[in-house]
N, C-alpha and C. Protein backbone atom coordinates (compact mmCIF):
# COMPACT_ATOMS: atom_id res chain seq x y z
N MET A 1 -8.89 3.34 -8.44
CA MET A 1 -7.81 2.65 -9.08
C MET A 1 -6.90 1.97 -8.05
N ALA A 2 -6.58 2.69 -7.00
CA ALA A 2 -5.71 2.13 -5.96
C ALA A 2 -6.39 0.97 -5.24
N THR A 3 -7.68 1.10 -5.00
CA THR A 3 -8.40 0.06 -4.29
C THR A 3 -8.41 -1.24 -5.08
N VAL A 4 -8.62 -1.15 -6.36
CA VAL A 4 -8.63 -2.35 -7.20
C VAL A 4 -7.25 -2.98 -7.23
N SER A 5 -6.23 -2.17 -7.34
CA SER A 5 -4.86 -2.69 -7.36
C SER A 5 -4.51 -3.37 -6.05
N VAL A 6 -4.88 -2.75 -4.94
CA VAL A 6 -4.59 -3.34 -3.63
C VAL A 6 -5.34 -4.65 -3.46
N ALA A 7 -6.58 -4.70 -3.88
CA ALA A 7 -7.35 -5.94 -3.78
C ALA A 7 -6.70 -7.06 -4.58
N ARG A 8 -6.20 -6.75 -5.74
CA ARG A 8 -5.51 -7.75 -6.55
C ARG A 8 -4.24 -8.25 -5.86
N VAL A 9 -3.50 -7.34 -5.27
CA VAL A 9 -2.27 -7.73 -4.58
C VAL A 9 -2.59 -8.64 -3.39
N ILE A 10 -3.60 -8.29 -2.63
CA ILE A 10 -3.97 -9.11 -1.48
C ILE A 10 -4.36 -10.51 -1.91
N ILE A 11 -5.15 -10.61 -2.95
CA ILE A 11 -5.58 -11.93 -3.44
C ILE A 11 -4.39 -12.73 -3.93
N LEU A 12 -3.51 -12.10 -4.70
CA LEU A 12 -2.35 -12.82 -5.24
C LEU A 12 -1.37 -13.23 -4.16
N THR A 13 -1.15 -12.37 -3.18
CA THR A 13 -0.21 -12.75 -2.12
C THR A 13 -0.78 -13.82 -1.22
N LYS A 14 -2.07 -13.78 -0.97
CA LYS A 14 -2.67 -14.85 -0.16
C LYS A 14 -2.59 -16.18 -0.89
N ALA A 15 -2.78 -16.16 -2.19
CA ALA A 15 -2.69 -17.39 -2.97
C ALA A 15 -1.26 -17.92 -3.00
N GLY A 16 -0.29 -17.03 -3.04
CA GLY A 16 1.11 -17.45 -3.13
C GLY A 16 1.75 -17.75 -1.79
N LEU A 17 1.12 -17.33 -0.70
CA LEU A 17 1.71 -17.51 0.62
C LEU A 17 0.87 -18.44 1.49
N LYS A 18 0.41 -19.52 0.93
CA LYS A 18 -0.46 -20.43 1.67
C LYS A 18 0.21 -21.06 2.88
N ASN A 19 1.49 -21.39 2.78
CA ASN A 19 2.18 -22.09 3.86
C ASN A 19 3.03 -21.17 4.73
N ALA A 20 2.93 -19.87 4.54
CA ALA A 20 3.74 -18.92 5.29
C ALA A 20 3.04 -18.55 6.60
N ASP A 21 3.85 -18.12 7.57
CA ASP A 21 3.33 -17.62 8.83
C ASP A 21 2.43 -16.41 8.56
N SER A 22 1.35 -16.27 9.31
CA SER A 22 0.40 -15.19 9.05
C SER A 22 1.02 -13.81 9.24
N SER A 23 1.91 -13.66 10.20
CA SER A 23 2.57 -12.36 10.41
C SER A 23 3.47 -12.01 9.24
N LEU A 24 4.20 -12.99 8.75
CA LEU A 24 5.06 -12.77 7.59
C LEU A 24 4.23 -12.44 6.35
N ALA A 25 3.15 -13.16 6.16
CA ALA A 25 2.27 -12.90 5.01
C ALA A 25 1.69 -11.50 5.08
N PHE A 26 1.30 -11.07 6.29
CA PHE A 26 0.76 -9.73 6.45
C PHE A 26 1.82 -8.67 6.16
N ALA A 27 3.05 -8.90 6.61
CA ALA A 27 4.14 -7.95 6.35
C ALA A 27 4.41 -7.82 4.86
N ILE A 28 4.41 -8.93 4.16
CA ILE A 28 4.63 -8.91 2.70
C ILE A 28 3.50 -8.18 2.00
N GLN A 29 2.27 -8.45 2.42
CA GLN A 29 1.12 -7.76 1.83
C GLN A 29 1.21 -6.27 2.06
N SER A 30 1.63 -5.87 3.25
CA SER A 30 1.74 -4.44 3.57
C SER A 30 2.76 -3.75 2.67
N ILE A 31 3.88 -4.42 2.43
CA ILE A 31 4.90 -3.85 1.54
C ILE A 31 4.34 -3.67 0.14
N PHE A 32 3.64 -4.68 -0.37
CA PHE A 32 3.05 -4.58 -1.71
C PHE A 32 2.01 -3.47 -1.76
N ILE A 33 1.18 -3.37 -0.74
CA ILE A 33 0.13 -2.36 -0.73
C ILE A 33 0.75 -0.96 -0.72
N LEU A 34 1.76 -0.75 0.13
CA LEU A 34 2.42 0.56 0.17
C LEU A 34 3.08 0.90 -1.15
N THR A 35 3.71 -0.08 -1.78
CA THR A 35 4.37 0.15 -3.06
C THR A 35 3.37 0.55 -4.12
N ILE A 36 2.27 -0.15 -4.20
CA ILE A 36 1.26 0.16 -5.22
C ILE A 36 0.60 1.50 -4.92
N THR A 37 0.30 1.77 -3.66
CA THR A 37 -0.35 3.03 -3.31
C THR A 37 0.53 4.22 -3.64
N TRP A 38 1.82 4.17 -3.27
CA TRP A 38 2.72 5.26 -3.61
C TRP A 38 2.96 5.34 -5.10
N GLY A 39 2.89 4.22 -5.79
CA GLY A 39 2.98 4.24 -7.25
C GLY A 39 1.83 5.00 -7.87
N VAL A 40 0.63 4.80 -7.33
CA VAL A 40 -0.55 5.52 -7.83
C VAL A 40 -0.41 7.01 -7.53
N VAL A 41 0.05 7.34 -6.33
CA VAL A 41 0.25 8.75 -5.98
C VAL A 41 1.26 9.39 -6.93
N SER A 42 2.32 8.68 -7.22
CA SER A 42 3.34 9.18 -8.14
C SER A 42 2.77 9.35 -9.54
N TYR A 43 2.01 8.36 -10.00
CA TYR A 43 1.41 8.41 -11.33
C TYR A 43 0.46 9.60 -11.46
N GLN A 44 -0.32 9.84 -10.41
CA GLN A 44 -1.28 10.93 -10.44
C GLN A 44 -0.63 12.29 -10.18
N GLY A 45 0.60 12.28 -9.69
CA GLY A 45 1.31 13.53 -9.44
C GLY A 45 0.77 14.32 -8.26
N THR A 46 0.34 13.65 -7.22
CA THR A 46 -0.26 14.33 -6.08
C THR A 46 0.65 14.39 -4.86
N PHE A 47 1.97 14.28 -5.07
CA PHE A 47 2.92 14.38 -3.96
C PHE A 47 2.84 15.75 -3.28
N ALA A 48 2.51 16.78 -4.03
CA ALA A 48 2.45 18.13 -3.47
C ALA A 48 1.40 18.24 -2.37
N GLY A 49 0.43 17.36 -2.39
CA GLY A 49 -0.62 17.38 -1.37
C GLY A 49 -0.12 17.03 0.02
N LEU A 50 1.06 16.43 0.13
CA LEU A 50 1.61 16.10 1.45
C LEU A 50 1.88 17.36 2.27
N LYS A 51 2.26 18.44 1.61
CA LYS A 51 2.54 19.69 2.31
C LYS A 51 1.28 20.32 2.89
N GLU A 52 0.13 19.97 2.34
CA GLU A 52 -1.14 20.55 2.79
C GLU A 52 -1.71 19.85 4.00
N ILE A 53 -1.16 18.70 4.39
CA ILE A 53 -1.65 17.97 5.55
C ILE A 53 -1.17 18.69 6.81
N GLU A 54 -2.09 18.93 7.71
CA GLU A 54 -1.73 19.64 8.94
C GLU A 54 -0.82 18.76 9.80
N SER A 55 0.09 19.39 10.51
CA SER A 55 1.09 18.65 11.28
C SER A 55 0.47 17.85 12.42
N LYS A 56 -0.72 18.19 12.87
CA LYS A 56 -1.34 17.45 13.97
C LYS A 56 -1.82 16.06 13.53
N TYR A 57 -1.85 15.79 12.22
CA TYR A 57 -2.31 14.52 11.72
C TYR A 57 -1.18 13.53 11.46
N GLY A 58 0.02 13.89 11.71
CA GLY A 58 1.13 12.97 11.47
C GLY A 58 2.46 13.66 11.67
N CYS A 59 3.48 13.06 11.16
CA CYS A 59 4.82 13.59 11.37
C CYS A 59 5.33 14.32 10.13
N TYR A 60 4.44 14.86 9.33
CA TYR A 60 4.85 15.53 8.09
C TYR A 60 5.34 16.91 8.39
């Protein structure tokens, strides 16, 4: 589900940002991707899984 949503966002942002700088376009795409991904995590109710990630894999 998240993969399909992210693919749609990338396609739509690339279509809407034709004349934008590539770095700016990438930053905007990243924000949309993070928003949709965390939205899916919230919808699925899997926030509790963050506590199960070992500390050596990030700053959690």
